[in-house]
């Protein structure tokens, strides 16, 4: 759970290759999916 929370500030960084690198990581994907679930409620 801690790792998921630690990834969330990195969602704001949208420049360069960083978004593609992050999105390829399984842990990042889990954090992103968790963020989407939180926004639905």
Foldseek 3Di string as FASTA:
>chain_A
DVLLVVCVVVVPPDDDCVVVVLCPDPSSVVSVVVVVVVVVD
